[in-house]
């Protein structure tokens, strides 16, 4: 009886690891979409309303949800009180401090915005934000494809590994 319970726990644990991999892929898709929505709001605020950067970032935080909201809110807070740091440093620090589920290529795309925001005219910032949002949407499509393809693989591998280990242990 104890062996069967142990085998069931091993199967459940390995299955949970597979599902955690699927959740990580799903979180990346969601975070990329939320960041793109925040950049769209930031683009409207900077390009059309000509709002100051901290206010535009606060509006982007309100438009986003989850970790993306935390990222934009942190940028807005730190941009309002720079403490001798450039906005590029504030942007980069916020990008790596927020619990975003992104790949390095995703972060690199966003990191290129730091030197542009708050430094150039409204049109240049608007174009850079449009380009970054389009890049994020493209990455989101690729991530959704990965989630569909790899999600099944992770789920099946988790359950298969659990069954294999349970058979070995029994």
C-alpha atoms as a PDB file:
ATOM      1  CA  UNK A   1       0.000   0.000   0.000  1.00  0.00           C
ATOM      2  CA  UNK A   2       2.839   2.378   0.855  1.00  0.00           C
ATOM      3  CA  UNK A   3       4.555   1.612  -2.442  1.00  0.00           C
ATOM      4  CA  UNK A   4       1.411   2.425  -4.409  1.00  0.00           C
ATOM      5  CA  UNK A   5       0.996   5.694  -2.550  1.00  0.00           C
ATOM      6  CA  UNK A   6       4.639   6.533  -3.209  1.00  0.00           C
ATOM      7  CA  UNK A   7       4.240   5.664  -6.902  1.00  0.00           C
ATOM      8  CA  UNK A   8       1.153   7.863  -7.146  1.00  0.00           C
ATOM      9  CA  UNK A   9       3.055  10.748  -5.519  1.00  0.00           C
ATOM     10  CA  UNK A  10       5.992  10.297  -7.922  1.00  0.00           C
ATOM     11  CA  UNK A  11       3.628  10.344 -10.914  1.00  0.00           C
ATOM     12  CA  UNK A  12       1.827  13.408  -9.558  1.00  0.00           C
ATOM     13  CA  UNK A  13       5.104  15.212  -8.853  1.00  0.00           C
ATOM     14  CA  UNK A  14       6.511  14.591 -12.310  1.00  0.00           C
ATOM     15  CA  UNK A  15       3.188  15.577 -13.869  1.00  0.00           C
ATOM     16  CA  UNK A  16       3.267  18.800 -11.867  1.00  0.00           C
ATOM     17  CA  UNK A  17       6.769  19.549 -13.181  1.00  0.00           C
ATOM     18  CA  UNK A  18       5.484  19.125 -16.723  1.00  0.00           C
ATOM     19  CA  UNK A  19       2.537  21.413 -16.014  1.00  0.00           C
ATOM     20  CA  UNK A  20       4.892  23.998 -14.475  1.00  0.00           C
ATOM     21  CA  UNK A  21       6.788  24.076 -17.770  1.00  0.00           C
ATOM     22  CA  UNK A  22       3.524  24.654 -19.626  1.00  0.00           C
ATOM     23  CA  UNK A  23       2.609  27.456 -17.190  1.00  0.00           C
ATOM     24  CA  UNK A  24       5.975  29.115 -17.786  1.00  0.00           C
ATOM     25  CA  UNK A  25       5.378  29.086 -21.552  1.00  0.00           C
ATOM     26  CA  UNK A  26       1.860  30.438 -21.070  1.00  0.00           C
ATOM     27  CA  UNK A  27       3.140  33.184 -18.760  1.00  0.00           C
ATOM     28  CA  UNK A  28       5.621  34.353 -21.394  1.00  0.00           C
ATOM     29  CA  UNK A  29       2.824  34.680 -23.955  1.00  0.00           C
ATOM     30  CA  UNK A  30       0.715  36.665 -21.481  1.00  0.00           C
ATOM     31  CA  UNK A  31       3.571  38.924 -20.385  1.00  0.00           C
ATOM     32  CA  UNK A  32       4.533  39.760 -23.970  1.00  0.00           C
ATOM     33  CA  UNK A  33       0.929  40.739 -24.734  1.00  0.00           C
ATOM     34  CA  UNK A  34       0.646  42.878 -21.617  1.00  0.00           C
ATOM     35  CA  UNK A  35       3.941  44.623 -22.357  1.00  0.00           C
ATOM     36  CA  UNK A  36       2.798  45.362 -25.924  1.00  0.00           C
ATOM     37  CA  UNK A  37      -0.458  46.844 -24.573  1.00  0.00           C
ATOM     38  CA  UNK A  38       1.514  48.984 -22.125  1.00  0.00           C
ATOM     39  CA  UNK A  39       3.808  50.206 -24.909  1.00  0.00           C
ATOM     40  CA  UNK A  40       0.758  51.135 -26.998  1.00  0.00           C
ATOM     41  CA  UNK A  41      -0.552  53.235 -24.117  1.00  0.00           C
ATOM     42  CA  UNK A  42       2.886  54.757 -23.582  1.00  0.00           C
ATOM     43  CA  UNK A  43       3.034  55.624 -27.275  1.00  0.00           C
ATOM     44  CA  UNK A  44      -0.329  57.410 -27.150  1.00  0.00           C
ATOM     45  CA  UNK A  45       0.585  59.283 -23.989  1.00  0.00           C
ATOM     46  CA  UNK A  46       3.989  60.451 -25.252  1.00  0.00           C
ATOM     47  CA  UNK A  47       3.140  60.918 -28.920  1.00  0.00           C
ATOM     48  CA  UNK A  48      -0.281  62.490 -28.813  1.00  0.00           C
ATOM     49  CA  UNK A  49      -0.966  63.813 -25.321  1.00  0.00           C
ATOM     50  CA  UNK A  50       2.669  64.883 -24.861  1.00  0.00           C
ATOM     51  CA  UNK A  51       2.485  63.784 -21.233  1.00  0.00           C
ATOM     52  CA  UNK A  52       5.634  63.855 -19.096  1.00  0.00           C
ATOM     53  CA  UNK A  53       7.402  60.504 -18.996  1.00  0.00           C
ATOM     54  CA  UNK A  54       6.492  59.550 -15.393  1.00  0.00           C
ATOM     55  CA  UNK A  55       2.783  60.239 -16.069  1.00  0.00           C
ATOM     56  CA  UNK A  56       2.902  58.315 -19.351  1.00  0.00           C
ATOM     57  CA  UNK A  57       4.501  55.356 -17.587  1.00  0.00           C
ATOM     58  CA  UNK A  58       1.841  55.479 -14.866  1.00  0.00           C
ATOM     59  CA  UNK A  59      -0.859  55.358 -17.571  1.00  0.00           C
ATOM     60  CA  UNK A  60       0.916  52.366 -19.145  1.00  0.00           C
ATOM     61  CA  UNK A  61       0.923  50.657 -15.733  1.00  0.00           C
ATOM     62  CA  UNK A  62      -2.840  51.152 -15.495  1.00  0.00           C
ATOM     63  CA  UNK A  63      -3.302  49.647 -18.973  1.00  0.00           C
ATOM     64  CA  UNK A  64      -1.232  46.540 -18.226  1.00  0.00           C
ATOM     65  CA  UNK A  65      -1.787  43.700 -15.773  1.00  0.00           C
ATOM     66  CA  UNK A  66       0.384  41.354 -13.760  1.00  0.00           C
ATOM     67  CA  UNK A  67       4.174  41.613 -13.957  1.00  0.00           C
ATOM     68  CA  UNK A  68       3.984  44.122 -16.832  1.00  0.00           C
ATOM     69  CA  UNK A  69       1.981  46.443 -14.587  1.00  0.00           C
ATOM     70  CA  UNK A  70       4.670  46.122 -11.917  1.00  0.00           C
ATOM     71  CA  UNK A  71       7.351  46.914 -14.491  1.00  0.00           C
ATOM     72  CA  UNK A  72       5.680  50.104 -15.748  1.00  0.00           C
ATOM     73  CA  UNK A  73       4.735  51.218 -12.223  1.00  0.00           C
ATOM     74  CA  UNK A  74       8.320  50.794 -11.040  1.00  0.00           C
ATOM     75  CA  UNK A  75       9.573  52.767 -14.052  1.00  0.00           C
ATOM     76  CA  UNK A  76       7.069  55.542 -13.341  1.00  0.00           C
ATOM     77  CA  UNK A  77       8.072  55.723  -9.700  1.00  0.00           C
ATOM     78  CA  UNK A  78      11.808  55.728 -10.383  1.00  0.00           C
ATOM     79  CA  UNK A  79      11.518  58.142 -13.332  1.00  0.00           C
ATOM     80  CA  UNK A  80       9.755  60.634 -11.075  1.00  0.00           C
ATOM     81  CA  UNK A  81      12.663  60.546  -8.619  1.00  0.00           C
ATOM     82  CA  UNK A  82      15.761  59.586 -10.641  1.00  0.00           C
ATOM     83  CA  UNK A  83      18.271  60.049  -7.750  1.00  0.00           C
ATOM     84  CA  UNK A  84      21.115  60.905 -10.131  1.00  0.00           C
ATOM     85  CA  UNK A  85      20.461  58.011 -12.498  1.00  0.00           C
ATOM     86  CA  UNK A  86      19.653  58.177 -16.183  1.00  0.00           C
ATOM     87  CA  UNK A  87      16.312  56.924 -17.441  1.00  0.00           C
ATOM     88  CA  UNK A  88      18.148  54.213 -19.342  1.00  0.00           C
ATOM     89  CA  UNK A  89      19.451  52.835 -16.025  1.00  0.00           C
ATOM     90  CA  UNK A  90      16.004  53.113 -14.439  1.00  0.00           C
ATOM     91  CA  UNK A  91      14.429  51.274 -17.409  1.00  0.00           C
ATOM     92  CA  UNK A  92      17.023  48.480 -17.362  1.00  0.00           C
ATOM     93  CA  UNK A  93      16.861  48.028 -13.586  1.00  0.00           C
ATOM     94  CA  UNK A  94      13.054  47.877 -13.694  1.00  0.00           C
ATOM     95  CA  UNK A  95      13.168  45.427 -16.596  1.00  0.00           C
ATOM     96  CA  UNK A  96      15.318  42.991 -14.646  1.00  0.00           C
ATOM     97  CA  UNK A  97      13.633  43.610 -11.261  1.00  0.00           C
ATOM     98  CA  UNK A  98      10.094  42.876 -12.455  1.00  0.00           C
ATOM     99  CA  UNK A  99       9.040  39.203 -12.355  1.00  0.00           C
ATOM    100  CA  UNK A 100       8.493  39.081 -16.116  1.00  0.00           C
ATOM    101  CA  UNK A 101       8.644  35.639 -17.722  1.00  0.00           C
ATOM    102  CA  UNK A 102      10.696  36.641 -20.749  1.00  0.00           C
ATOM    103  CA  UNK A 103      13.490  35.158 -22.797  1.00  0.00           C
ATOM    104  CA  UNK A 104      16.763  37.075 -23.173  1.00  0.00           C
ATOM    105  CA  UNK A 105      15.792  38.152 -26.710  1.00  0.00           C
ATOM    106  CA  UNK A 106      12.559  39.632 -25.349  1.00  0.00           C
ATOM    107  CA  UNK A 107      14.457  41.599 -22.720  1.00  0.00           C
ATOM    108  CA  UNK A 108      17.010  42.773 -25.294  1.00  0.00           C
ATOM    109  CA  UNK A 109      14.212  44.151 -27.474  1.00  0.00           C
ATOM    110  CA  UNK A 110      12.783  46.097 -24.540  1.00  0.00           C
ATOM    111  CA  UNK A 111      16.220  47.174 -23.339  1.00  0.00           C
ATOM    112  CA  UNK A 112      16.768  49.054 -26.621  1.00  0.00           C
ATOM    113  CA  UNK A 113      13.929  51.422 -25.681  1.00  0.00           C
ATOM    114  CA  UNK A 114      15.689  52.772 -22.588  1.00  0.00           C
ATOM    115  CA  UNK A 115      18.080  55.129 -24.408  1.00  0.00           C
ATOM    116  CA  UNK A 116      15.280  56.516 -26.613  1.00  0.00           C
ATOM    117  CA  UNK A 117      12.524  57.255 -24.101  1.00  0.00           C
ATOM    118  CA  UNK A 118      12.619  60.669 -22.506  1.00  0.00           C
ATOM    119  CA  UNK A 119      15.595  61.671 -24.598  1.00  0.00           C
ATOM    120  CA  UNK A 120      14.331  62.394 -28.112  1.00  0.00           C
ATOM    121  CA  UNK A 121      11.365  64.223 -29.603  1.00  0.00           C
ATOM    122  CA  UNK A 122       7.843  62.803 -29.496  1.00  0.00           C
ATOM    123  CA  UNK A 123       7.891  61.429 -33.045  1.00  0.00           C
ATOM    124  CA  UNK A 124      11.133  59.530 -32.519  1.00  0.00           C
ATOM    125  CA  UNK A 125       9.838  58.065 -29.267  1.00  0.00           C
ATOM    126  CA  UNK A 126       6.518  57.162 -30.892  1.00  0.00           C
ATOM    127  CA  UNK A 127       8.263  55.371 -33.772  1.00  0.00           C
ATOM    128  CA  UNK A 128      10.556  53.485 -31.388  1.00  0.00           C
ATOM    129  CA  UNK A 129       7.560  52.427 -29.292  1.00  0.00           C
ATOM    130  CA  UNK A 130       5.617  51.309 -32.395  1.00  0.00           C
ATOM    131  CA  UNK A 131       8.590  49.248 -33.524  1.00  0.00           C
ATOM    132  CA  UNK A 132       9.047  47.683 -30.089  1.00  0.00           C
ATOM    133  CA  UNK A 133       5.328  46.880 -29.735  1.00  0.00           C
ATOM    134  CA  UNK A 134       5.313  45.255 -33.186  1.00  0.00           C
ATOM    135  CA  UNK A 135       8.406  43.249 -32.220  1.00  0.00           C
ATOM    136  CA  UNK A 136       6.733  42.129 -28.986  1.00  0.00           C
ATOM    137  CA  UNK A 137       3.619  41.028 -30.872  1.00  0.00           C
ATOM    138  CA  UNK A 138       5.791  39.048 -33.277  1.00  0.00           C
ATOM    139  CA  UNK A 139       7.577  37.414 -30.344  1.00  0.00           C
ATOM    140  CA  UNK A 140       4.200  36.750 -28.740  1.00  0.00           C
ATOM    141  CA  UNK A 141       3.093  34.849 -31.851  1.00  0.00           C
ATOM    142  CA  UNK A 142       6.273  32.779 -31.769  1.00  0.00           C
ATOM    143  CA  UNK A 143       5.810  32.145 -28.048  1.00  0.00           C
ATOM    144  CA  UNK A 144       2.214  31.031 -28.642  1.00  0.00           C
ATOM    145  CA  UNK A 145       3.460  28.569 -31.262  1.00  0.00           C
ATOM    146  CA  UNK A 146       6.072  27.302 -28.798  1.00  0.00           C
ATOM    147  CA  UNK A 147       3.420  26.967 -26.108  1.00  0.00           C
ATOM    148  CA  UNK A 148       1.218  24.891 -28.414  1.00  0.00           C
ATOM    149  CA  UNK A 149       4.075  22.682 -29.575  1.00  0.00           C
ATOM    150  CA  UNK A 150       6.199  22.393 -26.444  1.00  0.00           C
ATOM    151  CA  UNK A 151       3.293  22.484 -24.003  1.00  0.00           C
ATOM    152  CA  UNK A 152       2.110  19.067 -25.117  1.00  0.00           C
ATOM    153  CA  UNK A 153       5.672  17.769 -25.010  1.00  0.00           C
ATOM    154  CA  UNK A 154       6.202  19.000 -21.433  1.00  0.00           C
ATOM    155  CA  UNK A 155       2.922  17.515 -20.257  1.00  0.00           C
ATOM    156  CA  UNK A 156       3.569  14.130 -21.863  1.00  0.00           C
ATOM    157  CA  UNK A 157       7.192  14.039 -20.699  1.00  0.00           C
ATOM    158  CA  UNK A 158       6.199  14.809 -17.128  1.00  0.00           C
ATOM    159  CA  UNK A 159       3.623  12.042 -16.983  1.00  0.00           C
ATOM    160  CA  UNK A 160       5.871   9.575 -18.826  1.00  0.00           C
ATOM    161  CA  UNK A 161       8.800  10.275 -16.526  1.00  0.00           C
ATOM    162  CA  UNK A 162       6.523   9.837 -13.522  1.00  0.00           C
ATOM    163  CA  UNK A 163       5.230   6.496 -14.800  1.00  0.00           C
ATOM    164  CA  UNK A 164       8.759   5.337 -15.610  1.00  0.00           C
ATOM    165  CA  UNK A 165      10.036   6.241 -12.141  1.00  0.00           C
ATOM    166  CA  UNK A 166       7.022   4.634 -10.483  1.00  0.00           C
ATOM    167  CA  UNK A 167       7.638   1.393 -12.363  1.00  0.00           C
ATOM    168  CA  UNK A 168      11.305   1.479 -11.354  1.00  0.00           C
ATOM    169  CA  UNK A 169      10.451   2.059  -7.709  1.00  0.00           C
ATOM    170  CA  UNK A 170       7.784  -0.628  -7.442  1.00  0.00           C
END
